Amino acid sequence: MMIRRVGPAEAEAWRAIRLEALGKAPEAFSARLADWQDRPLDDFGAQLDANPTFLAFEGDVPVGCISWVREADDPSRGWIGGVFVADRMRGKGVGQALIAAAVAEAQTTGITEMWLEVRAGNVAALKAYEQAGFAVVTDPDRPRNSCGCEIGMRRALR
């Protein structure tokens, strides 16, 4: 397995794993498969140009993805999103490797804390994020990303 940051030239690979994610785990994302499945490849490339995105590959096949963005109102805060690992690769450290890649890159840009949101029923994701050093934030005034999920998690970066 290999993890690497991808750009617009690899939009087709990201399209494949993104559509798989939206189709297999619709409850985990704020985006819907119907919103993305008929979009032109250029739309996927534009997303890769706008948001740092990493893919996990098994050979040439994408098997996982993660993106992160810098918060506009607080440039020291980053948000992780779009995390997915194909069923056949779960339990093999792919999610942890993707999270580590995104966090490492964010750190090099001056991000001092990473945030994410997760659905309360997504127990596997909660465990994976906790294993990666994220902690649940119980403050009702916590910052929110676009997901609107029930649980916010934070990891301080050094």
N, C-alpha and C. Protein backbone atom coordinates (compact mmCIF):
# COMPACT_ATOMS: atom_id res chain seq x y z
N MET A 1 0.83 -1.18 0.00
CA MET A 1 0.00 0.00 0.00
C MET A 1 0.88 1.24 0.00
N MET A 2 0.46 2.25 -0.74
CA MET A 2 1.18 3.51 -0.81
C MET A 2 0.20 4.66 -0.58
N ILE A 3 0.65 5.66 0.18
CA ILE A 3 -0.15 6.86 0.42
C ILE A 3 0.56 8.01 -0.28
N ARG A 4 -0.21 8.81 -1.03
CA ARG A 4 0.40 10.01 -1.61
C ARG A 4 -0.65 11.09 -1.81
N ARG A 5 -0.15 12.32 -1.77
CA ARG A 5 -1.02 13.46 -2.07
C ARG A 5 -1.28 13.47 -3.56
N VAL A 6 -2.51 13.74 -3.93
CA VAL A 6 -2.88 13.75 -5.34
C VAL A 6 -3.36 15.14 -5.73
N GLY A 7 -3.21 15.43 -7.01
CA GLY A 7 -3.65 16.70 -7.56
C GLY A 7 -4.60 16.48 -8.71
N PRO A 8 -4.95 17.54 -9.42
CA PRO A 8 -5.92 17.46 -10.50
C PRO A 8 -5.61 16.41 -11.57
N ALA A 9 -4.35 16.14 -11.80
CA ALA A 9 -3.99 15.13 -12.81
C ALA A 9 -4.45 13.73 -12.42
N GLU A 10 -4.74 13.53 -11.14
CA GLU A 10 -5.19 12.22 -10.67
C GLU A 10 -6.66 12.23 -10.27
N ALA A 11 -7.42 13.11 -10.90
CA ALA A 11 -8.84 13.25 -10.59
C ALA A 11 -9.60 11.95 -10.82
N GLU A 12 -9.21 11.17 -11.80
CA GLU A 12 -9.93 9.93 -12.08
C GLU A 12 -9.81 8.94 -10.92
N ALA A 13 -8.63 8.86 -10.31
CA ALA A 13 -8.45 7.96 -9.17
C ALA A 13 -9.28 8.45 -7.98
N TRP A 14 -9.27 9.76 -7.74
CA TRP A 14 -10.04 10.28 -6.62
C TRP A 14 -11.53 10.11 -6.89
N ARG A 15 -11.94 10.32 -8.12
CA ARG A 15 -13.35 10.13 -8.48
C ARG A 15 -13.80 8.71 -8.13
N ALA A 16 -12.98 7.73 -8.46
CA ALA A 16 -13.33 6.32 -8.22
C ALA A 16 -13.55 6.05 -6.72
N ILE A 17 -12.63 6.48 -5.89
CA ILE A 17 -12.75 6.18 -4.46
C ILE A 17 -13.81 7.07 -3.80
N ARG A 18 -13.96 8.29 -4.28
CA ARG A 18 -14.97 9.19 -3.73
C ARG A 18 -16.37 8.65 -4.01
N LEU A 19 -16.62 8.21 -5.22
CA LEU A 19 -17.93 7.65 -5.54
C LEU A 19 -18.18 6.35 -4.79
N GLU A 20 -17.14 5.54 -4.61
CA GLU A 20 -17.29 4.32 -3.79
C GLU A 20 -17.67 4.70 -2.37
N ALA A 21 -17.00 5.71 -1.81
CA ALA A 21 -17.29 6.15 -0.45
C ALA A 21 -18.73 6.63 -0.32
N LEU A 22 -19.16 7.48 -1.23
CA LEU A 22 -20.51 8.03 -1.16
C LEU A 22 -21.57 6.96 -1.38
N GLY A 23 -21.23 5.94 -2.17
CA GLY A 23 -22.17 4.85 -2.42
C GLY A 23 -22.25 3.86 -1.28
N LYS A 24 -21.12 3.55 -0.65
CA LYS A 24 -21.09 2.52 0.39
C LYS A 24 -21.33 3.05 1.79
N ALA A 25 -21.06 4.32 2.02
CA ALA A 25 -21.21 4.88 3.37
C ALA A 25 -21.90 6.25 3.31
N PRO A 26 -23.08 6.33 2.72
CA PRO A 26 -23.72 7.64 2.55
C PRO A 26 -23.98 8.37 3.86
N GLU A 27 -24.18 7.62 4.92
CA GLU A 27 -24.46 8.22 6.22
C GLU A 27 -23.25 8.94 6.81
N ALA A 28 -22.07 8.67 6.30
CA ALA A 28 -20.85 9.24 6.86
C ALA A 28 -20.46 10.58 6.25
N PHE A 29 -21.17 11.01 5.22
CA PHE A 29 -20.77 12.21 4.49
C PHE A 29 -21.92 13.18 4.35
N SER A 30 -21.60 14.46 4.28
CA SER A 30 -22.63 15.45 4.03
C SER A 30 -22.97 15.53 2.55
N ALA A 31 -22.03 15.16 1.69
CA ALA A 31 -22.28 15.10 0.25
C ALA A 31 -23.06 13.82 -0.07
N ARG A 32 -23.76 13.85 -1.19
CA ARG A 32 -24.53 12.67 -1.60
C ARG A 32 -23.99 12.15 -2.93
N LEU A 33 -24.12 10.86 -3.13
CA LEU A 33 -23.69 10.24 -4.38
C LEU A 33 -24.37 10.92 -5.57
N ALA A 34 -25.64 11.21 -5.45
CA ALA A 34 -26.38 11.84 -6.55
C ALA A 34 -25.80 13.21 -6.92
N ASP A 35 -25.17 13.87 -5.94
CA ASP A 35 -24.57 15.18 -6.20
C ASP A 35 -23.27 15.08 -7.00
N TRP A 36 -22.64 13.91 -6.97
CA TRP A 36 -21.31 13.76 -7.56
C TRP A 36 -21.23 12.80 -8.74
N GLN A 37 -22.07 11.82 -8.82
CA GLN A 37 -21.87 10.74 -9.79
C GLN A 37 -21.90 11.18 -11.25
N ASP A 38 -22.60 12.24 -11.58
CA ASP A 38 -22.67 12.68 -12.97
C ASP A 38 -21.83 13.92 -13.26
N ARG A 39 -21.05 14.34 -12.30
CA ARG A 39 -20.21 15.52 -12.52
C ARG A 39 -19.06 15.19 -13.46
N PRO A 40 -18.64 16.19 -14.23
CA PRO A 40 -17.49 15.95 -15.11
C PRO A 40 -16.21 15.79 -14.29
N LEU A 41 -15.26 15.13 -14.88
CA LEU A 41 -13.97 14.87 -14.22
C LEU A 41 -13.30 16.17 -13.79
N ASP A 42 -13.51 17.25 -14.54
CA ASP A 42 -12.92 18.54 -14.18
C ASP A 42 -13.38 19.02 -12.80
N ASP A 43 -14.61 18.69 -12.41
CA ASP A 43 -15.09 19.08 -11.08
C ASP A 43 -14.29 18.37 -9.98
N PHE A 44 -13.95 17.12 -10.23
CA PHE A 44 -13.13 16.38 -9.27
C PHE A 44 -11.73 16.98 -9.21
N GLY A 45 -11.19 17.32 -10.36
CA GLY A 45 -9.88 17.95 -10.41
C GLY A 45 -9.86 19.28 -9.69
N ALA A 46 -10.92 20.06 -9.82
CA ALA A 46 -11.01 21.35 -9.14
C ALA A 46 -11.01 21.17 -7.62
N GLN A 47 -11.69 20.13 -7.14
CA GLN A 47 -11.68 19.84 -5.71
C GLN A 47 -10.28 19.49 -5.22
N LEU A 48 -9.56 18.72 -6.02
CA LEU A 48 -8.19 18.34 -5.65
C LEU A 48 -7.27 19.55 -5.67
N ASP A 49 -7.55 20.50 -6.53
CA ASP A 49 -6.75 21.72 -6.59
C ASP A 49 -7.02 22.59 -5.37
N ALA A 50 -8.26 22.56 -4.88
CA ALA A 50 -8.66 23.42 -3.77
C ALA A 50 -8.36 22.84 -2.40
N ASN A 51 -8.39 21.51 -2.26
CA ASN A 51 -8.24 20.87 -0.96
C ASN A 51 -7.15 19.81 -0.99
N PRO A 52 -6.17 19.92 -0.09
CA PRO A 52 -5.15 18.87 -0.04
C PRO A 52 -5.81 17.51 0.22
N THR A 53 -5.52 16.56 -0.66
CA THR A 53 -6.15 15.25 -0.60
C THR A 53 -5.10 14.17 -0.77
N PHE A 54 -5.20 13.15 0.06
CA PHE A 54 -4.31 12.00 -0.01
C PHE A 54 -5.13 10.77 -0.37
N LEU A 55 -4.54 9.92 -1.19
CA LEU A 55 -5.16 8.64 -1.51
C LEU A 55 -4.24 7.53 -1.07
N ALA A 56 -4.83 6.43 -0.66
CA ALA A 56 -4.10 5.19 -0.42
C ALA A 56 -4.30 4.33 -1.66
N PHE A 57 -3.23 3.75 -2.14
CA PHE A 57 -3.29 2.90 -3.33
C PHE A 57 -2.81 1.50 -3.00
N GLU A 58 -3.49 0.53 -3.55
CA GLU A 58 -3.02 -0.85 -3.57
C GLU A 58 -2.73 -1.10 -5.06
N GLY A 59 -1.46 -1.08 -5.40
CA GLY A 59 -1.09 -1.07 -6.81
C GLY A 59 -1.54 0.25 -7.40
N ASP A 60 -2.33 0.20 -8.46
CA ASP A 60 -2.86 1.41 -9.08
C ASP A 60 -4.28 1.72 -8.66
N VAL A 61 -4.82 0.92 -7.76
CA VAL A 61 -6.23 1.05 -7.37
C VAL A 61 -6.33 1.87 -6.08
N PRO A 62 -7.12 2.97 -6.11
CA PRO A 62 -7.31 3.74 -4.88
C PRO A 62 -8.19 2.96 -3.89
N VAL A 63 -7.73 2.87 -2.65
CA VAL A 63 -8.45 2.10 -1.63
C VAL A 63 -8.79 2.93 -0.40
N GLY A 64 -8.45 4.21 -0.42
CA GLY A 64 -8.76 5.07 0.71
C GLY A 64 -8.49 6.51 0.35
N CYS A 65 -9.12 7.43 1.10
CA CYS A 65 -8.93 8.85 0.84
C CYS A 65 -9.12 9.66 2.11
N ILE A 66 -8.54 10.85 2.09
CA ILE A 66 -8.70 11.83 3.17
C ILE A 66 -8.36 13.19 2.59
N SER A 67 -9.07 14.21 3.05
CA SER A 67 -8.77 15.58 2.67
C SER A 67 -8.67 16.41 3.93
N TRP A 68 -8.03 17.56 3.81
CA TRP A 68 -8.02 18.50 4.91
C TRP A 68 -8.07 19.91 4.35
N VAL A 69 -8.57 20.83 5.16
CA VAL A 69 -8.65 22.24 4.77
C VAL A 69 -8.26 23.11 5.96
N ARG A 70 -7.75 24.28 5.63
CA ARG A 70 -7.46 25.28 6.66
C ARG A 70 -8.74 26.06 6.92
N GLU A 71 -9.05 26.29 8.18
CA GLU A 71 -10.25 27.06 8.51
C GLU A 71 -10.02 28.53 8.14
N ALA A 72 -10.97 29.11 7.44
CA ALA A 72 -10.83 30.49 6.99
C ALA A 72 -10.79 31.48 8.15
N ASP A 73 -11.61 31.25 9.19
CA ASP A 73 -11.68 32.19 10.31
C ASP A 73 -10.55 32.02 11.32
N ASP A 74 -9.86 30.92 11.27
CA ASP A 74 -8.75 30.66 12.20
C ASP A 74 -7.69 29.87 11.46
N PRO A 75 -6.69 30.54 10.88
CA PRO A 75 -5.69 29.85 10.06
C PRO A 75 -4.79 28.88 10.81
N SER A 76 -4.91 28.83 12.13
CA SER A 76 -4.12 27.84 12.88
C SER A 76 -4.88 26.52 13.02
N ARG A 77 -6.14 26.51 12.57
CA ARG A 77 -6.99 25.32 12.71
C ARG A 77 -7.23 24.68 11.36
N GLY A 78 -7.08 23.36 11.32
CA GLY A 78 -7.38 22.59 10.12
C GLY A 78 -8.52 21.63 10.39
N TRP A 79 -9.17 21.21 9.30
CA TRP A 79 -10.28 20.27 9.40
C TRP A 79 -10.01 19.08 8.50
N ILE A 80 -10.20 17.90 9.04
CA ILE A 80 -10.10 16.67 8.27
C ILE A 80 -11.49 16.29 7.80
N GLY A 81 -11.58 15.79 6.59
CA GLY A 81 -12.87 15.36 6.07
C GLY A 81 -12.70 14.37 4.94
N GLY A 82 -13.80 13.84 4.49
CA GLY A 82 -13.79 12.94 3.34
C GLY A 82 -13.00 11.67 3.55
N VAL A 83 -12.98 11.17 4.79
CA VAL A 83 -12.19 9.98 5.11
C VAL A 83 -12.97 8.72 4.74
N PHE A 84 -12.31 7.84 4.02
CA PHE A 84 -12.93 6.57 3.64
C PHE A 84 -11.84 5.54 3.36
N VAL A 85 -12.11 4.31 3.77
CA VAL A 85 -11.25 3.17 3.46
C VAL A 85 -12.15 2.07 2.91
N ALA A 86 -11.76 1.53 1.77
CA ALA A 86 -12.54 0.45 1.13
C ALA A 86 -12.66 -0.74 2.08
N ASP A 87 -13.80 -1.40 2.04
CA ASP A 87 -14.08 -2.53 2.94
C ASP A 87 -12.93 -3.52 3.00
N ARG A 88 -12.40 -3.90 1.86
CA ARG A 88 -11.37 -4.95 1.81
C ARG A 88 -10.04 -4.53 2.46
N MET A 89 -9.89 -3.23 2.75
CA MET A 89 -8.65 -2.72 3.33
C MET A 89 -8.79 -2.30 4.79
N ARG A 90 -9.98 -2.44 5.34
CA ARG A 90 -10.18 -2.03 6.73
C ARG A 90 -9.46 -2.97 7.67
N GLY A 91 -8.96 -2.40 8.75
CA GLY A 91 -8.23 -3.18 9.74
C GLY A 91 -6.79 -3.43 9.37
N LYS A 92 -6.31 -2.77 8.32
CA LYS A 92 -4.94 -2.97 7.85
C LYS A 92 -4.07 -1.72 8.03
N GLY A 93 -4.55 -0.74 8.77
CA GLY A 93 -3.76 0.46 9.04
C GLY A 93 -3.87 1.55 7.98
N VAL A 94 -4.75 1.36 7.00
CA VAL A 94 -4.88 2.35 5.93
C VAL A 94 -5.40 3.67 6.48
N GLY A 95 -6.44 3.62 7.29
CA GLY A 95 -7.00 4.84 7.87
C GLY A 95 -5.98 5.60 8.69
N GLN A 96 -5.23 4.88 9.51
CA GLN A 96 -4.20 5.52 10.34
C GLN A 96 -3.12 6.18 9.48
N ALA A 97 -2.73 5.50 8.40
CA ALA A 97 -1.72 6.06 7.50
C ALA A 97 -2.24 7.31 6.80
N LEU A 98 -3.50 7.30 6.39
CA LEU A 98 -4.08 8.47 5.75
C LEU A 98 -4.15 9.65 6.72
N ILE A 99 -4.61 9.39 7.94
CA ILE A 99 -4.69 10.45 8.94
C ILE A 99 -3.30 11.02 9.22
N ALA A 100 -2.32 10.15 9.37
CA ALA A 100 -0.95 10.59 9.64
C ALA A 100 -0.42 11.47 8.51
N ALA A 101 -0.71 11.11 7.28
CA ALA A 101 -0.24 11.91 6.13
C ALA A 101 -0.87 13.29 6.14
N ALA A 102 -2.17 13.36 6.36
CA ALA A 102 -2.86 14.65 6.37
C ALA A 102 -2.37 15.53 7.52
N VAL A 103 -2.25 14.95 8.70
CA VAL A 103 -1.80 15.70 9.87
C VAL A 103 -0.37 16.19 9.67
N ALA A 104 0.49 15.34 9.15
CA ALA A 104 1.90 15.74 8.94
C ALA A 104 1.99 16.92 7.98
N GLU A 105 1.23 16.87 6.90
CA GLU A 105 1.27 17.99 5.95
C GLU A 105 0.71 19.26 6.58
N ALA A 106 -0.40 19.14 7.27
CA ALA A 106 -1.00 20.31 7.91
C ALA A 106 -0.03 20.96 8.87
N GLN A 107 0.69 20.16 9.61
CA GLN A 107 1.66 20.67 10.57
C GLN A 107 2.72 21.51 9.89
N THR A 108 3.15 21.12 8.70
CA THR A 108 4.20 21.86 8.00
C THR A 108 3.71 23.23 7.51
N THR A 109 2.40 23.44 7.51
CA THR A 109 1.84 24.72 7.04
C THR A 109 1.49 25.66 8.19
N GLY A 110 1.82 25.27 9.42
CA GLY A 110 1.54 26.12 10.57
C GLY A 110 0.25 25.80 11.31
N ILE A 111 -0.45 24.77 10.88
CA ILE A 111 -1.66 24.34 11.60
C ILE A 111 -1.23 23.84 12.97
N THR A 112 -1.91 24.29 14.02
CA THR A 112 -1.57 23.86 15.37
C THR A 112 -2.62 22.95 16.00
N GLU A 113 -3.77 22.85 15.36
CA GLU A 113 -4.77 21.91 15.83
C GLU A 113 -5.62 21.44 14.65
N MET A 114 -5.93 20.15 14.68
CA MET A 114 -6.78 19.55 13.66
C MET A 114 -8.10 19.17 14.30
N TRP A 115 -9.16 19.40 13.57
CA TRP A 115 -10.51 19.09 14.01
C TRP A 115 -11.17 18.19 12.99
N LEU A 116 -12.19 17.50 13.43
CA LEU A 116 -13.02 16.71 12.52
C LEU A 116 -14.37 16.52 13.17
N GLU A 117 -15.32 16.12 12.37
CA GLU A 117 -16.64 15.80 12.87
C GLU A 117 -16.99 14.40 12.40
N VAL A 118 -17.72 13.68 13.24
CA VAL A 118 -18.08 12.30 12.94
C VAL A 118 -19.48 12.03 13.47
N ARG A 119 -20.17 11.17 12.79
CA ARG A 119 -21.52 10.79 13.21
C ARG A 119 -21.41 9.90 14.46
N ALA A 120 -22.34 10.07 15.38
CA ALA A 120 -22.31 9.33 16.64
C ALA A 120 -22.37 7.82 16.42
N GLY A 121 -23.06 7.36 15.41
CA GLY A 121 -23.19 5.93 15.16
C GLY A 121 -22.00 5.30 14.47
N ASN A 122 -21.04 6.08 14.07
CA ASN A 122 -19.88 5.55 13.35
C ASN A 122 -18.79 5.16 14.35
N VAL A 123 -19.03 4.08 15.05
CA VAL A 123 -18.16 3.63 16.14
C VAL A 123 -16.75 3.31 15.64
N ALA A 124 -16.64 2.68 14.48
CA ALA A 124 -15.32 2.33 13.94
C ALA A 124 -14.50 3.59 13.67
N ALA A 125 -15.14 4.62 13.11
CA ALA A 125 -14.42 5.87 12.84
C ALA A 125 -14.00 6.54 14.14
N LEU A 126 -14.90 6.56 15.12
CA LEU A 126 -14.55 7.15 16.42
C LEU A 126 -13.33 6.48 17.01
N LYS A 127 -13.29 5.15 16.98
CA LYS A 127 -12.14 4.42 17.51
C LYS A 127 -10.88 4.73 16.72
N ALA A 128 -11.00 4.81 15.41
CA ALA A 128 -9.83 5.11 14.58
C ALA A 128 -9.28 6.50 14.88
N TYR A 129 -10.17 7.47 15.02
CA TYR A 129 -9.72 8.83 15.31
C TYR A 129 -9.10 8.93 16.71
N GLU A 130 -9.69 8.25 17.67
CA GLU A 130 -9.09 8.22 19.01
C GLU A 130 -7.71 7.59 18.97
N GLN A 131 -7.57 6.51 18.22
CA GLN A 131 -6.27 5.86 18.07
C GLN A 131 -5.25 6.80 17.43
N ALA A 132 -5.71 7.71 16.59
CA ALA A 132 -4.83 8.66 15.92
C ALA A 132 -4.58 9.92 16.76
N GLY A 133 -5.05 9.91 18.01
CA GLY A 133 -4.76 11.02 18.91
C GLY A 133 -5.82 12.09 19.02
N PHE A 134 -6.98 11.89 18.41
CA PHE A 134 -8.07 12.85 18.51
C PHE A 134 -8.89 12.55 19.76
N ALA A 135 -9.41 13.60 20.38
CA ALA A 135 -10.25 13.45 21.56
C ALA A 135 -11.59 14.13 21.30
N VAL A 136 -12.64 13.54 21.84
CA VAL A 136 -13.98 14.11 21.72
C VAL A 136 -14.03 15.43 22.48
N VAL A 137 -14.63 16.42 21.85
CA VAL A 137 -14.80 17.74 22.47
C VAL A 137 -16.26 17.85 22.89
N THR A 138 -16.48 18.07 24.18
CA THR A 138 -17.84 18.10 24.70
C THR A 138 -18.40 19.51 24.79
N ASP A 139 -17.59 20.52 24.53
CA ASP A 139 -18.03 21.91 24.60
C ASP A 139 -19.12 22.18 23.55
N PRO A 140 -20.30 22.61 23.98
CA PRO A 140 -21.37 22.87 23.01
C PRO A 140 -21.03 24.03 22.06
N ASP A 141 -20.07 24.86 22.43
CA ASP A 141 -19.66 25.99 21.58
C ASP A 141 -18.47 25.65 20.70
N ARG A 142 -18.19 24.36 20.55
CA ARG A 142 -17.05 23.96 19.72
C ARG A 142 -17.22 24.47 18.30
N PRO A 143 -16.12 24.68 17.60
CA PRO A 143 -16.25 25.08 16.20
C PRO A 143 -16.88 23.95 15.39
N ARG A 144 -17.53 24.30 14.32
CA ARG A 144 -18.19 23.29 13.48
C ARG A 144 -17.74 23.47 12.04
N ASN A 145 -17.61 22.36 11.39
CA ASN A 145 -17.31 22.33 9.97
C ASN A 145 -18.64 22.17 9.23
N SER A 146 -18.62 21.83 7.99
CA SER A 146 -19.84 21.76 7.19
C SER A 146 -20.67 20.51 7.43
N CYS A 147 -20.13 19.51 8.09
CA CYS A 147 -20.81 18.23 8.26
C CYS A 147 -22.05 18.33 9.14
N GLY A 148 -21.96 19.11 10.20
CA GLY A 148 -23.07 19.17 11.13
C GLY A 148 -23.23 17.90 11.94
N CYS A 149 -22.17 17.11 12.03
CA CYS A 149 -22.21 15.84 12.75
C CYS A 149 -22.35 16.06 14.25
N GLU A 150 -22.71 14.99 14.92
CA GLU A 150 -22.99 15.07 16.35
C GLU A 150 -21.73 15.20 17.22
N ILE A 151 -20.62 14.64 16.77
CA ILE A 151 -19.42 14.59 17.61
C ILE A 151 -18.29 15.36 16.95
N GLY A 152 -17.72 16.27 17.71
CA GLY A 152 -16.52 17.00 17.28
C GLY A 152 -15.32 16.38 17.96
N MET A 153 -14.21 16.32 17.24
CA MET A 153 -12.97 15.78 17.81
C MET A 153 -11.83 16.72 17.46
N ARG A 154 -10.84 16.78 18.37
CA ARG A 154 -9.72 17.69 18.20
C ARG A 154 -8.42 16.97 18.53
N ARG A 155 -7.38 17.38 17.83
CA ARG A 155 -6.02 16.92 18.13
C ARG A 155 -5.09 18.12 18.06
N ALA A 156 -4.39 18.39 19.16
CA ALA A 156 -3.38 19.45 19.17
C ALA A 156 -2.15 18.94 18.44
N LEU A 157 -1.54 19.80 17.66
CA LEU A 157 -0.31 19.45 16.95
C LEU A 157 0.86 20.20 17.57
N ARG A 158 2.01 19.61 17.53
CA ARG A 158 3.20 20.25 18.11
C ARG A 158 4.18 20.55 17.03
